Amino acid sequence: MTPVIALVGRPNVGKSTLFNRFTRTRDALVADWSGLTRDRKYGDGKLGERPFIVIDTGGVSGFEEGLDEAMARQSFAAIDEADAVLFLVDGQSGITSADSFLAEHLRKTQKSVTLVVNKTDGRDPDVAVADFYELGLGEPVAIAASQNRGVRSLLEDVLEQFPEPIEQIDPMEDDSIRLAIIGRPNVGKSTLVNRMLGEDRVVVYDHPGTTMDSIYIPYERHGKAYTLIDTAGVRRRKNITEAVEKFSIVKTLQAIQDANVVVLVIDAQDGLVDQDMHMLGFALESGRALVIAINKWDGLSEEKKDSIKTAIDRRMPFLDWADMHFISALHGTNVGHLYESVEEAYDGARSKWSTNHLTNLMQGVVEMHQPPMVGGRRIKLRYAHQGGSNPPIVVIHGNQLNKLPGSYKRYLENAFRKAMGVRGTPIRFEFRTGDNPYDDAAKGRRSNKPKDRRGNRR
């Protein structure tokens, strides 16, 4: 399974800054003001080929009441969910009563805990961590998250505690298509799993939260191997009260990481809600191939159907590459067509293209619409090659690509996708600027020119 790392500590010790470093995003709100993170925030990161999930939390002061008490509960829940805990303290402030309170709690858990002394920039690391040995959590690790100092080595040490990713050692890894069924509670995921399997393999009950863990079900259909991953639903976090249900969030995120293709199930009766968009966002961030199933379509009025389609067109215009099916898992309507889209998405995610093909395609796209001029010089695209699969990555090399406008990048992405005919999977693009080899030659020619008596070149 994908390791889960929780960041805990009192307010304003740098947890959100470290979260952003781990996920290489700016998703967590960061400012010099305590208490900004009130709820748990989940993100996915990668160190080389090692994926992991990181949880950002609010602070624990030890004297909570009201909102602070709710924030503390979120932190303790994150500790329960995590495989490893990074306990952050402030190297500039020294040990506080809140640090001692949280250290005492962590010592009682069976979790792997690393004591991280943050904000040690400009100081001798050995001196900065000296006072924190008394917390009784082993050898402290000094970092400066805002300067990105010591962050990578910290992460490497944490991930060394866990086995290699599922793709390398899991016995379930074979030629099967791993298919994760995700969505909010009670949208019909387990009913859909049973319909796809043709048997009552998963408990189905008309109450949110029946499935509390992810269930991996290998099977065959028409000679093809599949592994269905039925996940617990993810409801809005303010409605999560039972400790066992809190684990379902992490299990769902891990299932997305483990899958080749994700089927997002949306309840047509409720319409498209924010939590659906959050789940969609994590699937896209993970780079997974995607199929969307609008469930409970039977029995809706034409007015309701038109309303849902309008909402989807308005909120998901960027998903024109993903197949969408209007189904009834209970009655089996259109469920069989999901397999066609799943297989197409799986093949698209594993597509391979030669450098010559991608370069010729790029040149044709550029001829139709030239990139803009910058500083009197035309931005030049030299060649393209494939940088990876699942999702496919197209790497484009050229000059001044760091100045390429976002509108032109979108033009390239849309033109490539249309020409390659790939559906069901996101395609990621990387733009790499190379040094102009003629710049040094030009400088050399200028430097060889003779000088006059005043030292100016003629």
Protein backbone atom coordinates (compact mmCIF):
# COMPACT_ATOMS: atom_id res chain seq x y z
CA MET A 1 0.00 0.00 0.00
CA THR A 2 1.01 3.63 -0.49
CA PRO A 3 2.54 4.97 2.77
CA VAL A 4 0.60 7.66 4.65
CA ILE A 5 2.59 10.39 6.42
CA ALA A 6 0.92 12.73 8.94
CA LEU A 7 2.34 16.14 9.87
CA VAL A 8 1.45 17.11 13.43
CA GLY A 9 2.58 19.72 15.92
CA ARG A 10 1.41 22.88 17.61
CA PRO A 11 0.18 25.78 15.46
CA ASN A 12 2.58 27.77 13.29
CA VAL A 13 5.57 25.41 13.35
CA GLY A 14 5.67 25.01 9.55
CA LYS A 15 3.47 21.96 8.89
CA SER A 16 1.72 23.51 5.88
CA THR A 17 5.03 24.70 4.43
CA LEU A 18 6.40 21.15 4.67
CA PHE A 19 3.15 19.79 3.18
CA ASN A 20 3.65 22.05 0.15
CA ARG A 21 7.27 20.89 -0.18
CA PHE A 22 6.24 17.23 -0.09
CA THR A 23 3.42 17.62 -2.62
CA ARG A 24 5.23 20.23 -4.75
CA THR A 25 2.12 22.38 -4.68
CA ARG A 26 0.82 25.43 -2.89
CA ASP A 27 -2.42 23.71 -1.89
CA ALA A 28 -2.02 24.33 1.82
CA LEU A 29 -2.60 27.89 2.98
CA VAL A 30 0.65 29.25 4.41
CA ALA A 31 1.14 32.51 6.32
CA ASP A 32 2.79 33.70 9.51
CA TRP A 33 -0.39 33.30 11.54
CA SER A 34 -1.30 30.40 13.78
CA GLY A 35 -4.38 28.24 13.30
CA LEU A 36 -4.81 28.55 9.54
CA THR A 37 -5.27 24.79 9.00
CA ARG A 38 -8.47 23.75 10.74
CA ASP A 39 -9.20 20.44 9.01
CA ARG A 40 -7.09 17.59 7.74
CA LYS A 41 -5.83 18.15 4.21
CA TYR A 42 -4.71 15.26 2.03
CA GLY A 43 -2.17 15.47 -0.75
CA ASP A 44 -0.23 13.03 -2.85
CA GLY A 45 3.50 13.21 -3.42
CA LYS A 46 6.23 11.28 -5.12
CA LEU A 47 9.91 10.80 -4.37
CA GLY A 48 11.44 9.36 -7.53
CA GLU A 49 9.13 6.43 -8.26
CA ARG A 50 7.89 6.18 -4.66
CA PRO A 51 4.35 7.53 -4.20
CA PHE A 52 3.04 8.53 -0.78
CA ILE A 53 0.09 10.34 0.81
CA VAL A 54 0.69 13.22 3.21
CA ILE A 55 -1.82 14.67 5.69
CA ASP A 56 -1.58 18.28 6.86
CA THR A 57 -3.27 19.08 10.18
CA GLY A 58 -4.14 21.97 12.41
CA GLY A 59 -2.26 22.57 15.62
CA VAL A 60 -2.44 21.02 19.08
CA SER A 61 -1.85 23.38 22.00
CA GLY A 62 -2.92 21.10 24.86
CA PHE A 63 -5.47 23.60 26.16
CA GLU A 64 -8.12 23.28 23.48
CA GLU A 65 -11.71 24.38 23.64
CA GLY A 66 -14.23 25.29 20.95
CA LEU A 67 -12.67 25.44 17.48
CA ASP A 68 -9.22 24.58 18.84
CA GLU A 69 -10.63 21.38 20.29
CA ALA A 70 -12.01 20.39 16.88
CA MET A 71 -8.61 21.11 15.30
CA ALA A 72 -6.91 18.92 17.89
CA ARG A 73 -9.32 16.05 17.14
CA GLN A 74 -8.35 16.33 13.47
CA SER A 75 -4.68 15.99 14.41
CA PHE A 76 -5.30 12.91 16.57
CA ALA A 77 -7.39 11.37 13.77
CA ALA A 78 -4.51 11.94 11.34
CA ILE A 79 -2.16 10.13 13.73
CA ASP A 80 -4.54 7.16 13.76
CA GLU A 81 -4.68 7.11 9.95
CA ALA A 82 -0.96 7.43 9.34
CA ASP A 83 1.77 4.85 8.86
CA ALA A 84 4.40 7.40 9.91
CA VAL A 85 4.14 10.63 11.92
CA LEU A 86 6.37 13.67 11.55
CA PHE A 87 6.17 15.65 14.78
CA LEU A 88 7.21 19.23 13.95
CA VAL A 89 8.60 21.61 16.57
CA ASP A 90 9.92 25.16 16.26
CA GLY A 91 13.71 25.33 16.54
CA GLN A 92 13.58 29.05 17.29
CA SER A 93 11.03 28.88 20.12
CA GLY A 94 12.35 25.84 21.94
CA ILE A 95 10.19 23.31 23.79
CA THR A 96 6.74 24.45 24.91
CA SER A 97 4.09 22.81 27.06
CA ALA A 98 2.16 21.96 23.89
CA ASP A 99 5.20 20.10 22.51
CA SER A 100 5.50 18.11 25.72
CA PHE A 101 1.77 17.30 25.70
CA LEU A 102 1.84 16.01 22.13
CA ALA A 103 5.12 14.12 22.67
CA GLU A 104 3.54 12.27 25.59
CA HIS A 105 0.60 11.26 23.38
CA LEU A 106 2.89 10.11 20.56
CA ARG A 107 5.01 7.99 22.88
CA LYS A 108 1.90 5.95 23.75
CA THR A 109 1.11 5.14 20.12
CA GLN A 110 2.58 2.29 18.12
CA LYS A 111 3.36 4.60 15.20
CA SER A 112 6.70 5.39 13.65
CA VAL A 113 7.40 8.93 14.91
CA THR A 114 10.16 11.24 13.66
CA LEU A 115 10.86 14.41 15.66
CA VAL A 116 11.48 17.22 13.15
CA VAL A 117 13.00 20.51 14.33
CA ASN A 118 11.97 23.15 11.80
CA LYS A 119 13.13 26.76 11.31
CA THR A 120 16.79 25.97 11.88
CA ASP A 121 18.00 28.14 8.97
CA GLY A 122 21.07 30.16 9.88
CA ARG A 123 21.84 28.01 12.91
CA ASP A 124 24.13 25.10 13.67
CA PRO A 125 21.84 22.02 13.33
CA ASP A 126 23.48 20.25 16.31
CA VAL A 127 22.88 23.25 18.55
CA ALA A 128 19.34 23.77 17.24
CA VAL A 129 18.19 20.23 18.12
CA ALA A 130 20.04 19.79 21.41
CA ASP A 131 17.17 20.80 23.73
CA PHE A 132 14.63 18.55 21.98
CA TYR A 133 16.20 15.25 23.05
CA GLU A 134 14.35 15.56 26.34
CA LEU A 135 11.02 14.92 24.54
CA GLY A 136 12.02 11.25 24.46
CA LEU A 137 11.28 10.62 20.77
CA GLY A 138 14.72 9.65 19.57
CA GLU A 139 17.19 11.71 17.58
CA PRO A 140 15.71 14.96 16.26
CA VAL A 141 16.10 15.88 12.60
CA ALA A 142 16.90 19.51 11.72
CA ILE A 143 15.29 21.07 8.64
CA ALA A 144 14.35 24.47 7.25
CA ALA A 145 11.13 23.83 5.31
CA SER A 146 10.88 27.39 4.01
CA GLN A 147 14.37 27.06 2.49
CA ASN A 148 13.84 23.41 1.45
CA ARG A 149 16.90 22.43 3.47
CA GLY A 150 16.97 18.85 4.74
CA VAL A 151 13.48 18.09 3.36
CA ARG A 152 14.50 15.49 0.78
CA SER A 153 16.78 13.55 3.12
CA LEU A 154 14.03 13.57 5.76
CA LEU A 155 11.55 12.13 3.29
CA GLU A 156 14.03 9.51 2.09
CA ASP A 157 14.60 8.32 5.66
CA VAL A 158 10.85 8.08 6.33
CA LEU A 159 10.08 6.13 3.14
CA GLU A 160 12.93 3.68 3.76
CA GLN A 161 10.81 2.21 6.57
CA PHE A 162 8.24 0.90 4.08
CA PRO A 163 8.40 -1.80 1.41
CA GLU A 164 8.64 -0.98 -2.26
CA PRO A 165 5.50 0.23 -4.07
CA ILE A 166 2.76 -2.20 -5.01
CA GLU A 167 3.86 -2.17 -8.65
CA GLN A 168 7.11 -3.94 -7.68
CA ILE A 169 6.27 -6.48 -4.99
CA ASP A 170 2.52 -6.97 -4.61
CA PRO A 171 1.49 -10.51 -5.61
CA MET A 172 -1.64 -9.14 -7.22
CA GLU A 173 0.53 -7.36 -9.80
CA ASP A 174 -0.01 -9.07 -13.13
CA ASP A 175 -1.59 -8.25 -16.47
CA SER A 176 -4.96 -7.43 -14.96
CA ILE A 177 -6.58 -4.01 -15.27
CA ARG A 178 -6.88 -2.61 -11.75
CA LEU A 179 -10.14 -0.71 -11.63
CA ALA A 180 -11.00 1.52 -8.64
CA ILE A 181 -14.65 2.42 -8.06
CA ILE A 182 -14.72 5.71 -6.14
CA GLY A 183 -17.30 8.25 -5.05
CA ARG A 184 -19.25 9.62 -2.13
CA PRO A 185 -21.05 7.25 0.27
CA ASN A 186 -24.34 5.78 -0.91
CA VAL A 187 -23.95 6.65 -4.59
CA GLY A 188 -24.16 2.96 -5.54
CA LYS A 189 -20.52 1.89 -5.75
CA SER A 190 -21.01 -1.53 -4.15
CA THR A 191 -24.14 -2.10 -6.23
CA LEU A 192 -22.10 -1.31 -9.34
CA VAL A 193 -19.35 -3.72 -8.25
CA ASN A 194 -21.90 -6.49 -7.78
CA ARG A 195 -23.45 -5.75 -11.17
CA MET A 196 -20.05 -5.82 -12.90
CA LEU A 197 -19.14 -9.08 -11.16
CA GLY A 198 -22.52 -10.64 -11.79
CA GLU A 199 -22.79 -11.78 -8.17
CA ASP A 200 -23.41 -10.36 -4.72
CA ARG A 201 -19.73 -10.22 -3.82
CA VAL A 202 -19.92 -6.96 -1.80
CA VAL A 203 -22.36 -6.07 0.96
CA VAL A 204 -24.97 -3.60 -0.28
CA TYR A 205 -27.11 -1.67 2.21
CA ASP A 206 -29.02 1.55 1.77
CA HIS A 207 -27.04 3.45 4.38
CA PRO A 208 -23.96 5.62 3.90
CA GLY A 209 -20.64 4.10 4.91
CA THR A 210 -21.38 0.36 4.61
CA THR A 211 -17.97 -0.30 3.05
CA MET A 212 -15.29 0.71 5.57
CA ASP A 213 -12.22 -0.58 3.73
CA SER A 214 -11.05 -1.10 0.18
CA ILE A 215 -11.75 -4.59 -1.19
CA TYR A 216 -9.62 -6.04 -4.03
CA ILE A 217 -11.54 -8.53 -6.19
CA PRO A 218 -9.69 -10.30 -9.06
CA TYR A 219 -11.86 -11.81 -11.83
CA GLU A 220 -12.03 -12.42 -15.58
CA ARG A 221 -14.44 -11.17 -18.22
CA HIS A 222 -14.35 -12.38 -21.83
CA GLY A 223 -10.84 -13.74 -21.29
CA LYS A 224 -9.46 -10.48 -19.85
CA ALA A 225 -8.19 -10.19 -16.28
CA TYR A 226 -9.46 -7.42 -14.01
CA THR A 227 -9.09 -6.48 -10.39
CA LEU A 228 -11.99 -4.43 -9.04
CA ILE A 229 -11.22 -2.18 -6.09
CA ASP A 230 -14.39 -1.32 -4.15
CA THR A 231 -13.73 1.63 -1.88
CA ALA A 232 -15.44 3.20 1.07
CA GLY A 233 -17.22 6.44 0.25
CA VAL A 234 -15.71 9.80 1.08
CA ARG A 235 -18.28 12.19 2.51
CA ARG A 236 -17.75 15.81 3.49
CA ARG A 237 -15.28 15.82 6.34
CA LYS A 238 -17.46 17.83 8.71
CA ASN A 239 -19.87 14.86 8.64
CA ILE A 240 -17.20 12.30 9.55
CA THR A 241 -17.62 11.33 13.20
CA GLU A 242 -16.83 7.63 13.58
CA ALA A 243 -13.16 6.76 13.89
CA VAL A 244 -13.50 3.72 11.61
CA GLU A 245 -14.99 5.88 8.85
CA LYS A 246 -12.04 8.25 8.99
CA PHE A 247 -9.83 5.42 7.81
CA SER A 248 -11.95 5.12 4.67
CA ILE A 249 -10.59 8.39 3.29
CA VAL A 250 -7.02 7.14 3.25
CA LYS A 251 -8.08 3.75 1.87
CA THR A 252 -9.85 5.48 -1.01
CA LEU A 253 -6.82 7.62 -1.80
CA GLN A 254 -4.60 4.53 -1.68
CA ALA A 255 -6.97 2.70 -4.01
CA ILE A 256 -6.66 5.55 -6.53
CA GLN A 257 -2.88 5.23 -6.34
CA ASP A 258 -3.07 1.45 -6.85
CA ALA A 259 -5.48 1.59 -9.80
CA ASN A 260 -4.84 1.75 -13.53
CA VAL A 261 -8.29 3.18 -14.25
CA VAL A 262 -10.63 5.05 -11.90
CA VAL A 263 -14.42 5.00 -12.28
CA LEU A 264 -15.93 8.01 -10.52
CA VAL A 265 -19.55 7.29 -9.57
CA ILE A 266 -21.84 10.31 -9.23
CA ASP A 267 -25.38 10.18 -7.85
CA ALA A 268 -27.73 11.60 -10.48
CA GLN A 269 -30.40 12.25 -7.86
CA ASP A 270 -28.09 14.54 -5.88
CA GLY A 271 -26.45 16.06 -8.94
CA LEU A 272 -22.84 17.20 -9.12
CA VAL A 273 -21.60 18.35 -5.69
CA ASP A 274 -18.31 19.76 -4.41
CA GLN A 275 -17.16 16.45 -2.93
CA ASP A 276 -17.42 14.85 -6.37
CA MET A 277 -15.08 17.54 -7.68
CA HIS A 278 -12.64 16.93 -4.83
CA MET A 279 -12.48 13.22 -5.61
CA LEU A 280 -12.09 14.03 -9.29
CA GLY A 281 -9.23 16.40 -8.49
CA PHE A 282 -7.28 13.75 -6.59
CA ALA A 283 -7.74 11.22 -9.39
CA LEU A 284 -6.45 13.75 -11.93
CA GLU A 285 -3.51 14.75 -9.70
CA SER A 286 -2.58 11.08 -9.48
CA GLY A 287 -2.56 10.91 -13.29
CA ARG A 288 -5.02 8.03 -13.43
CA ALA A 289 -7.11 7.13 -16.48
CA LEU A 290 -10.72 8.05 -15.83
CA VAL A 291 -14.27 6.98 -16.64
CA ILE A 292 -17.29 8.80 -15.20
CA ALA A 293 -20.51 6.95 -14.32
CA ILE A 294 -23.65 8.96 -13.54
CA ASN A 295 -25.66 6.45 -11.50
CA LYS A 296 -29.38 6.22 -10.61
CA TRP A 297 -30.28 7.69 -14.00
CA ASP A 298 -33.45 5.62 -14.33
CA GLY A 299 -36.64 7.29 -13.23
CA LEU A 300 -35.37 10.87 -13.45
CA SER A 301 -37.50 13.42 -15.23
CA GLU A 302 -36.24 14.89 -18.48
CA GLU A 303 -35.97 18.25 -16.77
CA LYS A 304 -33.73 16.79 -14.06
CA LYS A 305 -31.57 15.00 -16.66
CA ASP A 306 -31.11 18.22 -18.64
CA SER A 307 -30.18 20.07 -15.44
CA ILE A 308 -27.48 17.51 -14.55
CA LYS A 309 -26.01 17.54 -18.07
CA THR A 310 -25.88 21.35 -18.00
CA ALA A 311 -24.08 21.31 -14.63
CA ILE A 312 -21.54 18.77 -15.93
CA ASP A 313 -20.85 20.82 -19.06
CA ARG A 314 -20.39 23.93 -16.92
CA ARG A 315 -18.16 22.44 -14.21
CA MET A 316 -16.24 19.81 -16.22
CA PRO A 317 -15.37 21.38 -19.57
CA PHE A 318 -11.77 20.23 -19.14
CA LEU A 319 -12.83 16.55 -19.16
CA ASP A 320 -13.81 16.28 -22.81
CA TRP A 321 -11.29 13.41 -23.09
CA ALA A 322 -13.05 11.21 -20.48
CA ASP A 323 -16.00 8.98 -21.41
CA MET A 324 -19.20 9.55 -19.45
CA HIS A 325 -21.95 6.96 -19.02
CA PHE A 326 -25.45 7.43 -17.63
CA ILE A 327 -26.23 4.17 -15.86
CA SER A 328 -28.38 2.34 -13.37
CA ALA A 329 -26.25 -0.03 -11.32
CA LEU A 330 -29.37 -1.47 -9.71
CA HIS A 331 -31.04 -2.43 -12.99
CA GLY A 332 -27.86 -2.86 -15.08
CA THR A 333 -28.69 -0.15 -17.62
CA ASN A 334 -25.57 0.76 -19.69
CA VAL A 335 -23.22 -0.88 -17.16
CA GLY A 336 -21.71 -3.16 -19.82
CA HIS A 337 -20.58 -0.15 -21.83
CA LEU A 338 -18.28 0.86 -18.96
CA TYR A 339 -15.89 -1.93 -19.93
CA GLU A 340 -15.41 -0.49 -23.41
CA SER A 341 -14.36 2.85 -21.96
CA VAL A 342 -12.22 1.24 -19.25
CA GLU A 343 -10.24 -0.76 -21.80
CA GLU A 344 -9.85 2.26 -24.08
CA ALA A 345 -8.63 4.38 -21.15
CA TYR A 346 -6.22 1.65 -20.02
CA ASP A 347 -4.74 1.31 -23.51
CA GLY A 348 -4.48 5.10 -23.82
CA ALA A 349 -2.61 5.41 -20.53
CA ARG A 350 -0.03 2.87 -21.73
CA SER A 351 0.41 4.35 -25.21
CA LYS A 352 3.90 4.48 -26.73
CA TRP A 353 5.03 6.89 -29.45
CA SER A 354 8.39 7.25 -31.17
CA THR A 355 10.39 10.46 -30.98
CA ASN A 356 10.17 10.81 -34.74
CA HIS A 357 6.36 10.58 -34.66
CA LEU A 358 6.00 13.14 -31.86
CA THR A 359 8.50 15.53 -33.46
CA ASN A 360 6.74 15.38 -36.83
CA LEU A 361 3.42 15.93 -35.11
CA MET A 362 4.82 18.92 -33.23
CA GLN A 363 6.22 20.46 -36.39
CA GLY A 364 2.87 20.15 -38.12
CA VAL A 365 1.08 21.76 -35.18
CA VAL A 366 3.60 24.63 -35.11
CA GLU A 367 3.24 25.24 -38.86
CA MET A 368 -0.50 25.72 -38.40
CA HIS A 369 0.02 28.27 -35.63
CA GLN A 370 3.47 29.75 -34.88
CA PRO A 371 4.50 30.51 -31.29
CA PRO A 372 4.73 34.20 -30.38
CA MET A 373 7.73 36.51 -30.54
CA VAL A 374 9.51 37.35 -27.27
CA GLY A 375 12.03 40.19 -27.17
CA GLY A 376 12.13 40.30 -30.95
CA ARG A 377 12.92 36.57 -31.21
CA ARG A 378 10.57 33.77 -32.17
CA ILE A 379 10.14 31.02 -29.58
CA LYS A 380 11.42 27.82 -31.20
CA LEU A 381 10.23 24.28 -30.59
CA ARG A 382 12.99 21.85 -31.59
CA TYR A 383 11.77 18.29 -30.98
CA ALA A 384 9.46 16.17 -28.81
CA HIS A 385 9.74 12.75 -27.19
CA GLN A 386 7.82 10.61 -24.73
CA GLY A 387 8.88 10.94 -21.12
CA GLY A 388 6.73 8.23 -19.55
CA SER A 389 3.46 6.32 -19.48
CA ASN A 390 0.45 5.98 -17.17
CA PRO A 391 -0.18 8.83 -17.67
CA PRO A 392 1.57 9.54 -20.98
CA ILE A 393 4.12 12.36 -20.72
CA VAL A 394 5.19 14.37 -23.77
CA VAL A 395 8.42 16.34 -23.37
CA ILE A 396 8.97 19.26 -25.75
CA HIS A 397 12.43 20.83 -26.12
CA GLY A 398 13.23 24.23 -27.55
CA ASN A 399 14.47 27.75 -26.92
CA GLN A 400 12.75 30.24 -24.60
CA LEU A 401 10.07 27.71 -23.68
CA ASN A 402 10.02 29.17 -20.18
CA LYS A 403 8.44 32.23 -21.82
CA LEU A 404 5.81 30.26 -23.73
CA PRO A 405 2.35 31.67 -22.88
CA GLY A 406 -0.19 29.43 -21.19
CA SER A 407 -2.61 29.92 -24.10
CA TYR A 408 -0.09 28.47 -26.56
CA LYS A 409 0.66 25.55 -24.25
CA ARG A 410 -3.05 24.75 -24.16
CA TYR A 411 -3.15 24.99 -27.95
CA LEU A 412 -0.31 22.45 -28.20
CA GLU A 413 -1.93 20.10 -25.70
CA ASN A 414 -5.30 20.18 -27.44
CA ALA A 415 -3.76 19.74 -30.90
CA PHE A 416 -1.58 16.82 -29.75
CA ARG A 417 -4.50 15.07 -28.05
CA LYS A 418 -6.71 15.44 -31.11
CA ALA A 419 -4.01 14.19 -33.48
CA MET A 420 -3.03 11.22 -31.28
CA GLY A 421 -6.65 10.18 -30.75
CA VAL A 422 -6.10 9.20 -27.11
CA ARG A 423 -9.15 9.01 -24.86
CA GLY A 424 -9.72 8.25 -21.23
CA THR A 425 -6.38 9.36 -19.85
CA PRO A 426 -4.77 12.69 -19.02
CA ILE A 427 -1.66 13.58 -21.03
CA ARG A 428 0.98 15.59 -19.26
CA PHE A 429 3.31 17.96 -21.07
CA GLU A 430 6.74 19.14 -19.99
CA PHE A 431 8.50 22.07 -21.66
CA ARG A 432 12.28 22.14 -21.39
CA THR A 433 14.39 25.06 -22.49
CA GLY A 434 17.87 24.31 -23.81
CA ASP A 435 20.80 26.70 -24.01
CA ASN A 436 21.42 28.23 -27.42
CA PRO A 437 24.76 26.74 -28.58
CA TYR A 438 25.36 29.78 -30.77
CA ASP A 439 25.32 32.20 -27.84
CA ASP A 440 28.81 31.18 -26.68
CA ALA A 441 30.08 31.20 -30.25
CA ALA A 442 28.73 34.71 -30.74
CA LYS A 443 30.36 35.83 -27.50
CA GLY A 444 33.60 34.26 -28.63
CA ARG A 445 33.50 36.10 -31.97
CA ARG A 446 32.88 39.37 -30.18
CA SER A 447 35.71 38.74 -27.73
CA ASN A 448 38.19 38.10 -30.59
CA LYS A 449 37.63 41.51 -32.14
CA PRO A 450 40.59 43.88 -31.66
CA LYS A 451 40.29 46.82 -29.26
CA ASP A 452 41.14 50.45 -29.84
CA ARG A 453 43.35 52.57 -27.56
CA ARG A 454 40.40 53.18 -25.19
CA GLY A 455 39.70 49.46 -24.78
CA ASN A 456 36.55 49.45 -26.94
CA ARG A 457 36.08 46.75 -29.52
CA ARG A 458 36.18 47.95 -33.12
